[in-house]
Amino acid sequence: MISILTQERVLGAALGTVLASVVVFEQRKSIYKSISENQSKFSPQSQLPGLLLYASGSW
């Protein structure tokens, strides 16, 4: 049987990983939104294809 300390460490690592993932996801979402807003200010016609290429990983 796994000791209590080991269980706490595993749980802490799992929760830390989830928290870090959420933070990174939110930051990336904010960055993509900012890029989208800036592109729409300068060239509204080029916004959609650029974001689709970037999002699909085809760049």
PDB file of N, CA and C in Angstrom:
ATOM      1  N   MET A   1       0.840  -1.181   0.000  1.00  0.00           N
ATOM      2  CA  MET A   1       0.000   0.000   0.000  1.00  0.00           C
ATOM      3  C   MET A   1       0.885   1.244   0.000  1.00  0.00           C
ATOM      4  N   ILE A   2       0.423   2.272  -0.719  1.00  0.00           N
ATOM      5  CA  ILE A   2       1.195   3.508  -0.841  1.00  0.00           C
ATOM      6  C   ILE A   2       1.032   4.338   0.432  1.00  0.00           C
ATOM      7  N   SER A   3       2.139   4.882   0.888  1.00  0.00           N
ATOM      8  CA  SER A   3       2.080   5.677   2.113  1.00  0.00           C
ATOM      9  C   SER A   3       1.309   6.985   1.875  1.00  0.00           C
ATOM     10  N   ILE A   4       0.883   7.582   2.951  1.00  0.00           N
ATOM     11  CA  ILE A   4       0.129   8.847   2.885  1.00  0.00           C
ATOM     12  C   ILE A   4       0.981   9.946   2.255  1.00  0.00           C
ATOM     13  N   LEU A   5       2.256  10.008   2.622  1.00  0.00           N
ATOM     14  CA  LEU A   5       3.125  11.043   2.052  1.00  0.00           C
ATOM     15  C   LEU A   5       3.256  10.897   0.545  1.00  0.00           C
ATOM     16  N   THR A   6       3.384   9.673   0.076  1.00  0.00           N
ATOM     17  CA  THR A   6       3.498   9.436  -1.361  1.00  0.00           C
ATOM     18  C   THR A   6       2.198   9.819  -2.057  1.00  0.00           C
ATOM     19  N   GLN A   7       1.079   9.482  -1.458  1.00  0.00           N
ATOM     20  CA  GLN A   7      -0.217   9.856  -2.035  1.00  0.00           C
ATOM     21  C   GLN A   7      -0.355  11.372  -2.122  1.00  0.00           C
ATOM     22  N   GLU A   8       0.064  12.068  -1.084  1.00  0.00           N
ATOM     23  CA  GLU A   8      -0.016  13.527  -1.089  1.00  0.00           C
ATOM     24  C   GLU A   8       0.885  14.122  -2.158  1.00  0.00           C
ATOM     25  N   ARG A   9       2.060  13.558  -2.338  1.00  0.00           N
ATOM     26  CA  ARG A   9       2.980  14.064  -3.360  1.00  0.00           C
ATOM     27  C   ARG A   9       2.422  13.839  -4.762  1.00  0.00           C
ATOM     28  N   VAL A  10       1.853  12.663  -4.984  1.00  0.00           N
ATOM     29  CA  VAL A  10       1.277  12.374  -6.297  1.00  0.00           C
ATOM     30  C   VAL A  10       0.085  13.292  -6.560  1.00  0.00           C
ATOM     31  N   LEU A  11      -0.770  13.461  -5.560  1.00  0.00           N
ATOM     32  CA  LEU A  11      -1.913  14.351  -5.715  1.00  0.00           C
ATOM     33  C   LEU A  11      -1.456  15.792  -5.948  1.00  0.00           C
ATOM     34  N   GLY A  12      -0.458  16.221  -5.219  1.00  0.00           N
ATOM     35  CA  GLY A  12       0.071  17.575  -5.397  1.00  0.00           C
ATOM     36  C   GLY A  12       0.652  17.779  -6.785  1.00  0.00           C
ATOM     37  N   ALA A  13       1.380  16.782  -7.280  1.00  0.00           N
ATOM     38  CA  ALA A  13       1.946  16.878  -8.621  1.00  0.00           C
ATOM     39  C   ALA A  13       0.846  16.929  -9.677  1.00  0.00           C
ATOM     40  N   ALA A  14      -0.182  16.108  -9.501  1.00  0.00           N
ATOM     41  CA  ALA A  14      -1.296  16.090 -10.456  1.00  0.00           C
ATOM     42  C   ALA A  14      -2.033  17.428 -10.445  1.00  0.00           C
ATOM     43  N   LEU A  15      -2.323  17.940  -9.270  1.00  0.00           N
ATOM     44  CA  LEU A  15      -3.021  19.230  -9.187  1.00  0.00           C
ATOM     45  C   LEU A  15      -2.161  20.368  -9.724  1.00  0.00           C
ATOM     46  N   GLY A  16      -0.872  20.307  -9.459  1.00  0.00           N
ATOM     47  CA  GLY A  16       0.044  21.321  -9.991  1.00  0.00           C
ATOM     48  C   GLY A  16       0.099  21.293 -11.513  1.00  0.00           C
ATOM     49  N   THR A  17       0.080  20.096 -12.064  1.00  0.00           N
ATOM     50  CA  THR A  17       0.087  19.958 -13.521  1.00  0.00           C
ATOM     51  C   THR A  17      -1.191  20.523 -14.125  1.00  0.00           C
ATOM     52  N   VAL A  18      -2.314  20.223 -13.501  1.00  0.00           N
ATOM     53  CA  VAL A  18      -3.592  20.748 -13.997  1.00  0.00           C
ATOM     54  C   VAL A  18      -3.608  22.273 -13.909  1.00  0.00           C
ATOM     55  N   LEU A  19      -3.174  22.816 -12.808  1.00  0.00           N
ATOM     56  CA  LEU A  19      -3.152  24.265 -12.636  1.00  0.00           C
ATOM     57  C   LEU A  19      -2.247  24.923 -13.676  1.00  0.00           C
ATOM     58  N   ALA A  20      -1.055  24.379 -13.867  1.00  0.00           N
ATOM     59  CA  ALA A  20      -0.128  24.936 -14.857  1.00  0.00           C
ATOM     60  C   ALA A  20      -0.729  24.861 -16.255  1.00  0.00           C
ATOM     61  N   SER A  21      -1.405  23.767 -16.573  1.00  0.00           N
ATOM     62  CA  SER A  21      -2.028  23.619 -17.890  1.00  0.00           C
ATOM     63  C   SER A  21      -3.119  24.657 -18.109  1.00  0.00           C
ATOM     64  N   VAL A  22      -3.917  24.905 -17.088  1.00  0.00           N
ATOM     65  CA  VAL A  22      -4.987  25.907 -17.201  1.00  0.00           C
ATOM     66  C   VAL A  22      -4.388  27.298 -17.401  1.00  0.00           C
ATOM     67  N   VAL A  23      -3.350  27.608 -16.658  1.00  0.00           N
ATOM     68  CA  VAL A  23      -2.709  28.919 -16.789  1.00  0.00           C
ATOM     69  C   VAL A  23      -2.141  29.092 -18.192  1.00  0.00           C
ATOM     70  N   VAL A  24      -1.442  28.090 -18.698  1.00  0.00           N
ATOM     71  CA  VAL A  24      -0.863  28.170 -20.043  1.00  0.00           C
ATOM     72  C   VAL A  24      -1.968  28.302 -21.084  1.00  0.00           C
ATOM     73  N   PHE A  25      -3.042  27.524 -20.947  1.00  0.00           N
ATOM     74  CA  PHE A  25      -4.145  27.596 -21.893  1.00  0.00           C
ATOM     75  C   PHE A  25      -4.758  28.989 -21.919  1.00  0.00           C
ATOM     76  N   GLU A  26      -4.992  29.563 -20.754  1.00  0.00           N
ATOM     77  CA  GLU A  26      -5.589  30.902 -20.687  1.00  0.00           C
ATOM     78  C   GLU A  26      -4.658  31.951 -21.283  1.00  0.00           C
ATOM     79  N   GLN A  27      -3.364  31.830 -21.036  1.00  0.00           N
ATOM     80  CA  GLN A  27      -2.416  32.780 -21.605  1.00  0.00           C
ATOM     81  C   GLN A  27      -2.376  32.671 -23.127  1.00  0.00           C
ATOM     82  N   ARG A  28      -2.375  31.444 -23.640  1.00  0.00           N
ATOM     83  CA  ARG A  28      -2.371  31.256 -25.095  1.00  0.00           C
ATOM     84  C   ARG A  28      -3.646  31.807 -25.707  1.00  0.00           C
ATOM     85  N   LYS A  29      -4.775  31.585 -25.045  1.00  0.00           N
ATOM     86  CA  LYS A  29      -6.048  32.105 -25.545  1.00  0.00           C
ATOM     87  C   LYS A  29      -6.002  33.635 -25.610  1.00  0.00           C
ATOM     88  N   SER A  30      -5.434  34.243 -24.584  1.00  0.00           N
ATOM     89  CA  SER A  30      -5.317  35.698 -24.550  1.00  0.00           C
ATOM     90  C   SER A  30      -4.398  36.206 -25.656  1.00  0.00           C
ATOM     91  N   ILE A  31      -3.303  35.503 -25.887  1.00  0.00           N
ATOM     92  CA  ILE A  31      -2.363  35.898 -26.943  1.00  0.00           C
ATOM     93  C   ILE A  31      -3.020  35.785 -28.308  1.00  0.00           C
ATOM     94  N   TYR A  32      -3.719  34.680 -28.572  1.00  0.00           N
ATOM     95  CA  TYR A  32      -4.384  34.505 -29.868  1.00  0.00           C
ATOM     96  C   TYR A  32      -5.452  35.573 -30.077  1.00  0.00           C
ATOM     97  N   LYS A  33      -6.174  35.921 -29.014  1.00  0.00           N
ATOM     98  CA  LYS A  33      -7.197  36.957 -29.117  1.00  0.00           C
ATOM     99  C   LYS A  33      -6.554  38.299 -29.443  1.00  0.00           C
ATOM    100  N   SER A  34      -5.446  38.600 -28.785  1.00  0.00           N
ATOM    101  CA  SER A  34      -4.740  39.850 -29.027  1.00  0.00           C
ATOM    102  C   SER A  34      -4.231  39.924 -30.463  1.00  0.00           C
ATOM    103  N   ILE A  35      -3.675  38.825 -30.947  1.00  0.00           N
ATOM    104  CA  ILE A  35      -3.191  38.787 -32.333  1.00  0.00           C
ATOM    105  C   ILE A  35      -4.346  39.000 -33.294  1.00  0.00           C
ATOM    106  N   SER A  36      -5.462  38.345 -33.030  1.00  0.00           N
ATOM    107  CA  SER A  36      -6.633  38.467 -33.889  1.00  0.00           C
ATOM    108  C   SER A  36      -7.139  39.904 -33.921  1.00  0.00           C
ATOM    109  N   GLU A  37      -7.211  40.538 -32.759  1.00  0.00           N
ATOM    110  CA  GLU A  37      -7.683  41.923 -32.698  1.00  0.00           C
ATOM    111  C   GLU A  37      -6.739  42.848 -33.442  1.00  0.00           C
ATOM    112  N   ASN A  38      -5.433  42.649 -33.294  1.00  0.00           N
ATOM    113  CA  ASN A  38      -4.465  43.504 -33.987  1.00  0.00           C
ATOM    114  C   ASN A  38      -4.521  43.296 -35.493  1.00  0.00           C
ATOM    115  N   GLN A  39      -4.697  42.064 -35.929  1.00  0.00           N
ATOM    116  CA  GLN A  39      -4.786  41.810 -37.361  1.00  0.00           C
ATOM    117  C   GLN A  39      -6.038  42.442 -37.947  1.00  0.00           C
ATOM    118  N   SER A  40      -7.132  42.403 -37.217  1.00  0.00           N
ATOM    119  CA  SER A  40      -8.379  42.967 -37.745  1.00  0.00           C
ATOM    120  C   SER A  40      -8.293  44.490 -37.835  1.00  0.00           C
ATOM    121  N   LYS A  41      -7.479  45.116 -37.014  1.00  0.00           N
ATOM    122  CA  LYS A  41      -7.316  46.569 -37.090  1.00  0.00           C
ATOM    123  C   LYS A  41      -6.565  46.972 -38.355  1.00  0.00           C
ATOM    124  N   PHE A  42      -5.565  46.181 -38.744  1.00  0.00           N
ATOM    125  CA  PHE A  42      -4.708  46.566 -39.855  1.00  0.00           C
ATOM    126  C   PHE A  42      -5.157  46.011 -41.200  1.00  0.00           C
ATOM    127  N   SER A  43      -5.616  44.773 -41.211  1.00  0.00           N
ATOM    128  CA  SER A  43      -6.044  44.180 -42.480  1.00  0.00           C
ATOM    129  C   SER A  43      -7.153  43.168 -42.234  1.00  0.00           C
ATOM    130  N   PRO A  44      -8.395  43.623 -42.284  1.00  0.00           N
ATOM    131  CA  PRO A  44      -9.517  42.734 -41.974  1.00  0.00           C
ATOM    132  C   PRO A  44      -9.626  41.537 -42.913  1.00  0.00           C
ATOM    133  N   GLN A  45      -9.168  41.652 -44.147  1.00  0.00           N
ATOM    134  CA  GLN A  45      -9.324  40.562 -45.107  1.00  0.00           C
ATOM    135  C   GLN A  45      -8.334  39.432 -44.860  1.00  0.00           C
ATOM    136  N   SER A  46      -7.179  39.722 -44.285  1.00  0.00           N
ATOM    137  CA  SER A  46      -6.164  38.688 -44.099  1.00  0.00           C
ATOM    138  C   SER A  46      -6.279  37.990 -42.750  1.00  0.00           C
ATOM    139  N   GLN A  47      -7.259  38.368 -41.945  1.00  0.00           N
ATOM    140  CA  GLN A  47      -7.372  37.807 -40.598  1.00  0.00           C
ATOM    141  C   GLN A  47      -7.689  36.320 -40.611  1.00  0.00           C
ATOM    142  N   LEU A  48      -8.680  35.903 -41.346  1.00  0.00           N
ATOM    143  CA  LEU A  48      -9.155  34.523 -41.297  1.00  0.00           C
ATOM    144  C   LEU A  48      -8.133  33.523 -41.829  1.00  0.00           C
ATOM    145  N   PRO A  49      -7.564  33.711 -43.019  1.00  0.00           N
ATOM    146  CA  PRO A  49      -6.618  32.696 -43.508  1.00  0.00           C
ATOM    147  C   PRO A  49      -5.382  32.554 -42.626  1.00  0.00           C
ATOM    148  N   GLY A  50      -4.869  33.664 -42.113  1.00  0.00           N
ATOM    149  CA  GLY A  50      -3.686  33.599 -41.271  1.00  0.00           C
ATOM    150  C   GLY A  50      -3.940  32.837 -39.994  1.00  0.00           C
ATOM    151  N   LEU A  51      -5.083  33.071 -39.383  1.00  0.00           N
ATOM    152  CA  LEU A  51      -5.396  32.369 -38.139  1.00  0.00           C
ATOM    153  C   LEU A  51      -5.657  30.894 -38.401  1.00  0.00           C
ATOM    154  N   LEU A  52      -6.291  30.581 -39.517  1.00  0.00           N
ATOM    155  CA  LEU A  52      -6.552  29.171 -39.817  1.00  0.00           C
ATOM    156  C   LEU A  52      -5.251  28.416 -40.064  1.00  0.00           C
ATOM    157  N   LEU A  53      -4.328  29.039 -40.775  1.00  0.00           N
ATOM    158  CA  LEU A  53      -3.036  28.378 -41.013  1.00  0.00           C
ATOM    159  C   LEU A  53      -2.273  28.211 -39.717  1.00  0.00           C
ATOM    160  N   TYR A  54      -2.281  29.237 -38.878  1.00  0.00           N
ATOM    161  CA  TYR A  54      -1.549  29.171 -37.635  1.00  0.00           C
ATOM    162  C   TYR A  54      -2.169  28.140 -36.691  1.00  0.00           C
ATOM    163  N   ALA A  55      -3.475  28.135 -36.625  1.00  0.00           N
ATOM    164  CA  ALA A  55      -4.160  27.227 -35.704  1.00  0.00           C
ATOM    165  C   ALA A  55      -4.032  25.773 -36.147  1.00  0.00           C
ATOM    166  N   SER A  56      -3.964  25.543 -37.448  1.00  0.00           N
ATOM    167  CA  SER A  56      -3.902  24.156 -37.935  1.00  0.00           C
ATOM    168  C   SER A  56      -2.475  23.622 -37.926  1.00  0.00           C
ATOM    169  N   GLY A  57      -1.505  24.486 -37.721  1.00  0.00           N
ATOM    170  CA  GLY A  57      -0.114  24.034 -37.686  1.00  0.00           C
ATOM    171  C   GLY A  57       0.484  23.885 -39.077  1.00  0.00           C
ATOM    172  N   SER A  58      -0.135  24.475 -40.084  1.00  0.00           N
ATOM    173  CA  SER A  58       0.348  24.353 -41.457  1.00  0.00           C
ATOM    174  C   SER A  58       1.343  25.429 -41.828  1.00  0.00           C
ATOM    175  N   TRP A  59       1.690  26.237 -40.935  1.00  0.00           N
ATOM    176  CA  TRP A  59       2.597  27.341 -41.242  1.00  0.00           C
ATOM    177  C   TRP A  59       3.993  26.816 -41.237  1.00  0.00           C
TER     178      TRP A  59
END
